[in-house]
Amino acid sequence: MDHTKVHLDVDSSAGQRRGVRHGIVVLSAVVSLALVFWAGRHNGSALLVLLFTLWVASPFAALLLVDRASTGLPVTSGRAVGRLAPLVSMVSALIYIIEVFLVHPAKAAAPFLVVPAVSWAAILLSLWIGRRAQAG
């Protein structure tokens, strides 16, 4: 049996999974940012819309950066973030969709403030748990 071929197949499979994860994160980010613009379309402050855009985009960017850098992270941390990325991305976009199109809350900004904060907490917690599991 040619071990090189098996090693390449494993690398190819990991690369495909990473590509799918990145695709999910990017698609979710595009949907989420479109919803930021939709929800803020009546807001007269371009600065406020820009700040919301940066805040909502930040967890998606972090997920992509951490996943890309995960080759240098301990295996457990890299796996934790890899599994977390599609989940956090899709749940975030789903919450925004529900809030904008179904709920129409009086305080439309609330989910755009809370969801990124919770996403950041989940990302940092998964990194911390991964590093702790690797050390212990």
Protein backbone atom coordinates (compact mmCIF):
# COMPACT_ATOMS: atom_id res chain seq x y z
CA MET A 1 0.00 0.00 0.00
CA ASP A 2 1.30 3.41 -0.93
CA HIS A 3 1.27 5.53 2.25
CA THR A 4 1.90 8.72 0.29
CA LYS A 5 -1.37 8.32 -1.57
CA VAL A 6 -3.30 7.78 1.67
CA HIS A 7 -1.67 10.86 3.19
CA LEU A 8 -2.63 12.97 0.16
CA ASP A 9 -6.22 11.69 0.30
CA VAL A 10 -6.48 12.71 3.95
CA ASP A 11 -5.04 16.16 3.15
CA SER A 12 -7.44 16.51 0.22
CA SER A 13 -10.41 15.57 2.40
CA ALA A 14 -9.34 18.05 5.09
CA GLY A 15 -8.95 20.73 2.43
CA GLN A 16 -12.44 20.00 1.10
CA ARG A 17 -13.94 20.22 4.59
CA ARG A 18 -12.14 23.50 5.18
CA GLY A 19 -13.44 24.81 1.84
CA VAL A 20 -17.00 23.86 2.78
CA ARG A 21 -16.61 25.53 6.19
CA HIS A 22 -15.27 28.70 4.58
CA GLY A 23 -18.10 28.68 2.05
CA ILE A 24 -20.70 28.42 4.81
CA VAL A 25 -19.06 31.22 6.80
CA VAL A 26 -18.78 33.53 3.78
CA LEU A 27 -22.37 32.86 2.63
CA SER A 28 -23.68 33.44 6.16
CA ALA A 29 -21.66 36.65 6.40
CA VAL A 30 -23.04 37.95 3.10
CA VAL A 31 -26.62 37.19 4.21
CA SER A 32 -26.01 38.77 7.62
CA LEU A 33 -24.48 41.93 6.17
CA ALA A 34 -27.29 42.25 3.63
CA LEU A 35 -29.71 42.09 6.56
CA VAL A 36 -27.75 44.79 8.41
CA PHE A 37 -28.22 47.05 5.40
CA TRP A 38 -31.88 46.06 5.08
CA ALA A 39 -32.62 46.69 8.76
CA GLY A 40 -30.69 49.97 8.70
CA ARG A 41 -32.08 51.24 5.41
CA HIS A 42 -34.16 53.93 7.15
CA ASN A 43 -31.35 55.03 9.44
CA GLY A 44 -30.03 58.44 8.50
CA SER A 45 -26.60 57.84 10.02
CA ALA A 46 -24.14 56.25 7.62
CA LEU A 47 -21.63 56.05 10.47
CA LEU A 48 -24.00 53.97 12.60
CA VAL A 49 -24.68 51.57 9.73
CA LEU A 50 -20.92 51.29 9.14
CA LEU A 51 -20.29 50.49 12.82
CA PHE A 52 -23.02 47.84 12.82
CA THR A 53 -21.56 46.39 9.62
CA LEU A 54 -18.10 46.08 11.16
CA TRP A 55 -19.48 44.64 14.40
CA VAL A 56 -21.66 42.05 12.63
CA ALA A 57 -18.84 41.09 10.23
CA SER A 58 -16.20 40.70 12.96
CA PRO A 59 -17.12 37.18 14.20
CA PHE A 60 -17.23 35.87 10.62
CA ALA A 61 -13.80 37.34 9.94
CA ALA A 62 -12.49 35.88 13.20
CA LEU A 63 -13.85 32.43 12.33
CA LEU A 64 -12.12 32.51 8.95
CA LEU A 65 -8.84 33.80 10.40
CA VAL A 66 -8.77 31.32 13.28
CA ASP A 67 -9.66 28.45 10.95
CA ARG A 68 -6.90 29.49 8.56
CA ALA A 69 -4.41 29.75 11.44
CA SER A 70 -5.61 26.50 13.01
CA THR A 71 -2.73 24.61 11.43
CA GLY A 72 -0.54 26.32 14.05
CA LEU A 73 -2.98 25.73 16.90
CA PRO A 74 -3.12 22.63 19.05
CA VAL A 75 -5.19 19.94 17.33
CA THR A 76 -8.03 20.19 19.83
CA SER A 77 -8.37 23.97 19.42
CA GLY A 78 -8.31 23.72 15.64
CA ARG A 79 -11.00 21.05 15.64
CA ALA A 80 -13.15 22.99 18.08
CA VAL A 81 -13.08 26.13 15.95
CA GLY A 82 -13.54 24.12 12.77
CA ARG A 83 -16.70 22.53 14.13
CA LEU A 84 -17.92 25.81 15.57
CA ALA A 85 -17.51 27.94 12.44
CA PRO A 86 -20.44 26.62 10.37
CA LEU A 87 -22.72 26.39 13.40
CA VAL A 88 -22.09 29.94 14.63
CA SER A 89 -22.34 31.31 11.10
CA MET A 90 -25.60 29.62 10.18
CA VAL A 91 -27.27 30.29 13.53
CA SER A 92 -26.27 33.96 13.36
CA ALA A 93 -27.69 34.38 9.86
CA LEU A 94 -30.85 32.50 10.85
CA ILE A 95 -31.41 34.75 13.87
CA TYR A 96 -31.01 37.84 11.70
CA ILE A 97 -33.44 36.43 9.10
CA ILE A 98 -36.04 35.65 11.77
CA GLU A 99 -35.65 39.03 13.43
CA VAL A 100 -35.79 41.09 10.23
CA PHE A 101 -38.48 39.24 8.29
CA LEU A 102 -40.64 37.49 10.89
CA VAL A 103 -40.48 39.29 14.22
CA HIS A 104 -40.05 42.94 13.21
CA PRO A 105 -39.02 43.98 16.70
CA ALA A 106 -39.41 47.53 17.92
CA LYS A 107 -35.71 47.48 18.77
CA ALA A 108 -34.36 46.11 15.50
CA ALA A 109 -30.77 46.80 16.54
CA ALA A 110 -30.81 44.36 19.47
CA PRO A 111 -29.97 41.16 17.58
CA PHE A 112 -27.25 42.96 15.62
CA LEU A 113 -25.64 43.91 18.93
CA VAL A 114 -26.16 40.68 20.88
CA VAL A 115 -25.48 37.97 18.27
CA PRO A 116 -21.91 39.12 17.47
CA ALA A 117 -21.12 39.37 21.20
CA VAL A 118 -22.38 35.82 21.80
CA SER A 119 -20.49 34.62 18.71
CA TRP A 120 -17.26 36.15 20.03
CA ALA A 121 -17.87 34.49 23.40
CA ALA A 122 -18.38 31.11 21.71
CA ILE A 123 -15.21 31.52 19.62
CA LEU A 124 -13.08 32.50 22.61
CA LEU A 125 -14.59 29.77 24.79
CA SER A 126 -13.89 27.09 22.19
CA LEU A 127 -10.28 28.24 21.87
CA TRP A 128 -9.88 28.24 25.64
CA ILE A 129 -11.44 24.78 26.02
CA GLY A 130 -9.33 23.44 23.17
CA ARG A 131 -6.10 24.72 24.67
CA ARG A 132 -7.06 23.44 28.09
CA ALA A 133 -7.87 19.98 26.72
CA GLN A 134 -4.57 19.94 24.84
CA ALA A 135 -2.62 20.89 27.98
CA GLY A 136 -4.46 18.49 30.27
